[in-house]
């Protein structure tokens, strides 16, 4: 007898519903996910960094200043923003990822710096611009790397 091999047909592996691209979802869940992501980025900033970011003298009359920002808080903020940018890098377009993850902490930092009636020094706009640039580049790079791990289905 001449036996012929019949190739087995595999069922397509279903995609996880949580990681489908946002542009393929209905408008309400799409924008709810985006609002939640922006809220999480803002909450991470408010939780990890103090509101008053100005340096303070250690003691009265001292010329040594100390910052209320701790290494633990800054590390936690970086990890939270990198996690959010990787998630939205998998699910959304890069401009949306930048707006959702980097813009809320940047806006809160600007308001924090600008809300002080007397400025310690006039370098806060430069500090804000530098931190915003670093944050934006970090979000874009992380989202771009995460996009490489997306699966493309026909």
C-alpha atoms as a PDB file:
ATOM      1  CA  UNK A   1       0.000   0.000   0.000  1.00  0.00           C
ATOM      2  CA  UNK A   2       1.115   3.422  -0.807  1.00  0.00           C
ATOM      3  CA  UNK A   3       0.550   5.655   2.208  1.00  0.00           C
ATOM      4  CA  UNK A   4       0.492   9.376   1.713  1.00  0.00           C
ATOM      5  CA  UNK A   5       1.037  11.745   4.531  1.00  0.00           C
ATOM      6  CA  UNK A   6      -1.628  14.332   5.066  1.00  0.00           C
ATOM      7  CA  UNK A   7      -0.358  17.431   6.807  1.00  0.00           C
ATOM      8  CA  UNK A   8      -2.183  18.220   9.990  1.00  0.00           C
ATOM      9  CA  UNK A   9      -3.910  21.541  10.127  1.00  0.00           C
ATOM     10  CA  UNK A  10      -3.171  23.463  13.226  1.00  0.00           C
ATOM     11  CA  UNK A  11      -5.691  25.705  14.809  1.00  0.00           C
ATOM     12  CA  UNK A  12      -4.534  29.284  14.984  1.00  0.00           C
ATOM     13  CA  UNK A  13      -3.380  30.275  18.406  1.00  0.00           C
ATOM     14  CA  UNK A  14      -5.844  32.806  19.798  1.00  0.00           C
ATOM     15  CA  UNK A  15      -4.375  36.149  20.733  1.00  0.00           C
ATOM     16  CA  UNK A  16      -4.599  37.298  24.261  1.00  0.00           C
ATOM     17  CA  UNK A  17      -7.306  39.900  24.411  1.00  0.00           C
ATOM     18  CA  UNK A  18      -5.280  42.163  26.701  1.00  0.00           C
ATOM     19  CA  UNK A  19      -2.453  42.630  24.228  1.00  0.00           C
ATOM     20  CA  UNK A  20      -4.297  43.327  20.995  1.00  0.00           C
ATOM     21  CA  UNK A  21      -3.390  46.679  19.451  1.00  0.00           C
ATOM     22  CA  UNK A  22      -5.557  49.477  20.760  1.00  0.00           C
ATOM     23  CA  UNK A  23      -6.453  50.627  17.255  1.00  0.00           C
ATOM     24  CA  UNK A  24      -8.308  47.308  16.816  1.00  0.00           C
ATOM     25  CA  UNK A  25     -10.481  47.781  19.897  1.00  0.00           C
ATOM     26  CA  UNK A  26     -13.736  49.674  20.263  1.00  0.00           C
ATOM     27  CA  UNK A  27     -13.397  53.403  20.997  1.00  0.00           C
ATOM     28  CA  UNK A  28     -14.610  53.241  24.607  1.00  0.00           C
ATOM     29  CA  UNK A  29     -12.106  50.594  25.811  1.00  0.00           C
ATOM     30  CA  UNK A  30      -9.359  52.209  23.729  1.00  0.00           C
ATOM     31  CA  UNK A  31      -9.720  55.633  25.309  1.00  0.00           C
ATOM     32  CA  UNK A  32     -10.437  54.191  28.760  1.00  0.00           C
ATOM     33  CA  UNK A  33      -7.136  52.300  28.560  1.00  0.00           C
ATOM     34  CA  UNK A  34      -5.337  55.456  27.485  1.00  0.00           C
ATOM     35  CA  UNK A  35      -6.867  57.541  30.284  1.00  0.00           C
ATOM     36  CA  UNK A  36      -5.995  54.836  32.799  1.00  0.00           C
ATOM     37  CA  UNK A  37      -2.399  54.765  31.536  1.00  0.00           C
ATOM     38  CA  UNK A  38      -2.053  58.533  31.852  1.00  0.00           C
ATOM     39  CA  UNK A  39      -3.580  58.398  35.334  1.00  0.00           C
ATOM     40  CA  UNK A  40      -1.144  55.661  36.361  1.00  0.00           C
ATOM     41  CA  UNK A  41       1.806  57.710  35.095  1.00  0.00           C
ATOM     42  CA  UNK A  42       0.611  60.745  37.061  1.00  0.00           C
ATOM     43  CA  UNK A  43      -0.033  58.628  40.165  1.00  0.00           C
ATOM     44  CA  UNK A  44       3.448  57.120  39.932  1.00  0.00           C
ATOM     45  CA  UNK A  45       4.963  60.603  39.821  1.00  0.00           C
ATOM     46  CA  UNK A  46       2.870  61.853  42.745  1.00  0.00           C
ATOM     47  CA  UNK A  47       3.649  58.753  44.799  1.00  0.00           C
ATOM     48  CA  UNK A  48       7.379  58.540  44.113  1.00  0.00           C
ATOM     49  CA  UNK A  49       8.481  62.182  44.127  1.00  0.00           C
ATOM     50  CA  UNK A  50       7.667  64.900  46.639  1.00  0.00           C
ATOM     51  CA  UNK A  51       5.670  67.890  45.497  1.00  0.00           C
ATOM     52  CA  UNK A  52       8.236  70.494  46.525  1.00  0.00           C
ATOM     53  CA  UNK A  53      11.349  69.723  44.474  1.00  0.00           C
ATOM     54  CA  UNK A  54      13.482  72.665  45.575  1.00  0.00           C
ATOM     55  CA  UNK A  55      16.740  72.041  47.428  1.00  0.00           C
ATOM     56  CA  UNK A  56      16.851  73.025  51.081  1.00  0.00           C
ATOM     57  CA  UNK A  57      19.676  73.936  53.415  1.00  0.00           C
ATOM     58  CA  UNK A  58      20.461  71.124  55.866  1.00  0.00           C
ATOM     59  CA  UNK A  59      20.493  73.518  58.812  1.00  0.00           C
ATOM     60  CA  UNK A  60      19.888  77.226  59.212  1.00  0.00           C
ATOM     61  CA  UNK A  61      22.869  79.157  57.862  1.00  0.00           C
ATOM     62  CA  UNK A  62      24.361  76.116  56.147  1.00  0.00           C
ATOM     63  CA  UNK A  63      25.602  76.372  52.585  1.00  0.00           C
ATOM     64  CA  UNK A  64      25.111  72.638  51.941  1.00  0.00           C
ATOM     65  CA  UNK A  65      21.771  71.874  50.356  1.00  0.00           C
ATOM     66  CA  UNK A  66      19.790  68.673  50.326  1.00  0.00           C
ATOM     67  CA  UNK A  67      17.097  67.515  47.930  1.00  0.00           C
ATOM     68  CA  UNK A  68      13.844  65.849  49.031  1.00  0.00           C
ATOM     69  CA  UNK A  69      14.119  63.419  46.088  1.00  0.00           C
ATOM     70  CA  UNK A  70      15.378  60.021  47.237  1.00  0.00           C
ATOM     71  CA  UNK A  71      17.101  57.402  45.136  1.00  0.00           C
ATOM     72  CA  UNK A  72      14.375  54.912  46.025  1.00  0.00           C
ATOM     73  CA  UNK A  73      11.631  57.253  44.847  1.00  0.00           C
ATOM     74  CA  UNK A  74      13.424  58.095  41.609  1.00  0.00           C
ATOM     75  CA  UNK A  75      14.121  54.412  40.917  1.00  0.00           C
ATOM     76  CA  UNK A  76      10.507  53.474  41.578  1.00  0.00           C
ATOM     77  CA  UNK A  77       9.314  56.237  39.235  1.00  0.00           C
ATOM     78  CA  UNK A  78      11.690  55.122  36.494  1.00  0.00           C
ATOM     79  CA  UNK A  79      10.574  51.494  36.814  1.00  0.00           C
ATOM     80  CA  UNK A  80       6.892  52.463  36.764  1.00  0.00           C
ATOM     81  CA  UNK A  81       7.303  54.675  33.692  1.00  0.00           C
ATOM     82  CA  UNK A  82       9.394  52.048  31.882  1.00  0.00           C
ATOM     83  CA  UNK A  83       6.746  49.404  32.602  1.00  0.00           C
ATOM     84  CA  UNK A  84       3.981  51.660  31.308  1.00  0.00           C
ATOM     85  CA  UNK A  85       5.955  52.596  28.214  1.00  0.00           C
ATOM     86  CA  UNK A  86       6.673  48.924  27.448  1.00  0.00           C
ATOM     87  CA  UNK A  87       2.986  48.070  27.826  1.00  0.00           C
ATOM     88  CA  UNK A  88       1.800  50.910  25.619  1.00  0.00           C
ATOM     89  CA  UNK A  89       4.642  50.249  23.200  1.00  0.00           C
ATOM     90  CA  UNK A  90       3.177  46.799  22.672  1.00  0.00           C
ATOM     91  CA  UNK A  91      -0.373  48.049  22.296  1.00  0.00           C
ATOM     92  CA  UNK A  92      -0.319  51.552  20.843  1.00  0.00           C
ATOM     93  CA  UNK A  93       1.511  53.861  18.484  1.00  0.00           C
ATOM     94  CA  UNK A  94       4.691  55.630  19.609  1.00  0.00           C
ATOM     95  CA  UNK A  95       3.241  59.173  19.698  1.00  0.00           C
ATOM     96  CA  UNK A  96       0.409  57.997  21.934  1.00  0.00           C
ATOM     97  CA  UNK A  97       2.884  56.234  24.195  1.00  0.00           C
ATOM     98  CA  UNK A  98       4.880  59.424  24.555  1.00  0.00           C
ATOM     99  CA  UNK A  99       1.777  61.476  25.354  1.00  0.00           C
ATOM    100  CA  UNK A 100       0.352  58.940  27.799  1.00  0.00           C
ATOM    101  CA  UNK A 101       3.478  58.050  29.757  1.00  0.00           C
ATOM    102  CA  UNK A 102       5.825  61.053  29.647  1.00  0.00           C
ATOM    103  CA  UNK A 103       3.446  64.015  29.462  1.00  0.00           C
ATOM    104  CA  UNK A 104       1.606  63.650  32.824  1.00  0.00           C
ATOM    105  CA  UNK A 105       4.768  63.509  34.992  1.00  0.00           C
ATOM    106  CA  UNK A 106       6.322  66.292  32.944  1.00  0.00           C
ATOM    107  CA  UNK A 107       3.262  68.513  33.404  1.00  0.00           C
ATOM    108  CA  UNK A 108       3.143  67.794  37.138  1.00  0.00           C
ATOM    109  CA  UNK A 109       6.835  68.619  37.465  1.00  0.00           C
ATOM    110  CA  UNK A 110       6.313  71.906  35.619  1.00  0.00           C
ATOM    111  CA  UNK A 111       3.435  72.845  37.923  1.00  0.00           C
ATOM    112  CA  UNK A 112       5.514  71.882  40.954  1.00  0.00           C
ATOM    113  CA  UNK A 113       8.438  74.042  39.858  1.00  0.00           C
ATOM    114  CA  UNK A 114       6.247  76.944  38.734  1.00  0.00           C
ATOM    115  CA  UNK A 115       4.022  77.021  41.827  1.00  0.00           C
ATOM    116  CA  UNK A 116       6.687  78.521  44.076  1.00  0.00           C
ATOM    117  CA  UNK A 117       6.339  82.302  44.402  1.00  0.00           C
ATOM    118  CA  UNK A 118      10.037  82.839  45.040  1.00  0.00           C
ATOM    119  CA  UNK A 119      12.461  80.840  42.984  1.00  0.00           C
ATOM    120  CA  UNK A 120      15.662  79.509  44.543  1.00  0.00           C
ATOM    121  CA  UNK A 121      17.407  80.038  41.254  1.00  0.00           C
ATOM    122  CA  UNK A 122      16.277  80.597  37.712  1.00  0.00           C
ATOM    123  CA  UNK A 123      17.565  77.252  36.464  1.00  0.00           C
ATOM    124  CA  UNK A 124      14.319  75.353  37.059  1.00  0.00           C
ATOM    125  CA  UNK A 125      13.128  75.777  33.443  1.00  0.00           C
ATOM    126  CA  UNK A 126      16.387  74.237  32.256  1.00  0.00           C
ATOM    127  CA  UNK A 127      16.083  71.415  34.778  1.00  0.00           C
ATOM    128  CA  UNK A 128      12.485  70.771  33.742  1.00  0.00           C
ATOM    129  CA  UNK A 129      13.391  70.753  30.041  1.00  0.00           C
ATOM    130  CA  UNK A 130      16.293  68.359  30.585  1.00  0.00           C
ATOM    131  CA  UNK A 131      14.271  65.934  32.708  1.00  0.00           C
ATOM    132  CA  UNK A 132      11.401  66.063  30.204  1.00  0.00           C
ATOM    133  CA  UNK A 133      13.785  65.313  27.343  1.00  0.00           C
ATOM    134  CA  UNK A 134      15.379  62.381  29.187  1.00  0.00           C
ATOM    135  CA  UNK A 135      11.965  61.048  30.170  1.00  0.00           C
ATOM    136  CA  UNK A 136      10.655  61.333  26.608  1.00  0.00           C
ATOM    137  CA  UNK A 137      13.686  59.622  25.090  1.00  0.00           C
ATOM    138  CA  UNK A 138      13.493  56.835  27.677  1.00  0.00           C
ATOM    139  CA  UNK A 139       9.803  56.277  26.947  1.00  0.00           C
ATOM    140  CA  UNK A 140      10.347  56.224  23.182  1.00  0.00           C
ATOM    141  CA  UNK A 141      13.316  53.854  23.363  1.00  0.00           C
ATOM    142  CA  UNK A 142      11.499  51.482  25.724  1.00  0.00           C
ATOM    143  CA  UNK A 143       8.343  51.534  23.611  1.00  0.00           C
ATOM    144  CA  UNK A 144      10.382  50.957  20.458  1.00  0.00           C
ATOM    145  CA  UNK A 145      12.120  47.945  21.987  1.00  0.00           C
ATOM    146  CA  UNK A 146       8.790  46.577  23.233  1.00  0.00           C
ATOM    147  CA  UNK A 147       7.314  46.925  19.742  1.00  0.00           C
ATOM    148  CA  UNK A 148       9.959  44.476  18.481  1.00  0.00           C
ATOM    149  CA  UNK A 149       8.348  41.782  20.631  1.00  0.00           C
ATOM    150  CA  UNK A 150       4.888  42.180  19.144  1.00  0.00           C
ATOM    151  CA  UNK A 151       3.553  39.257  17.169  1.00  0.00           C
ATOM    152  CA  UNK A 152       2.216  40.068  13.742  1.00  0.00           C
ATOM    153  CA  UNK A 153      -0.734  38.062  12.571  1.00  0.00           C
ATOM    154  CA  UNK A 154      -2.171  38.032   9.091  1.00  0.00           C
END
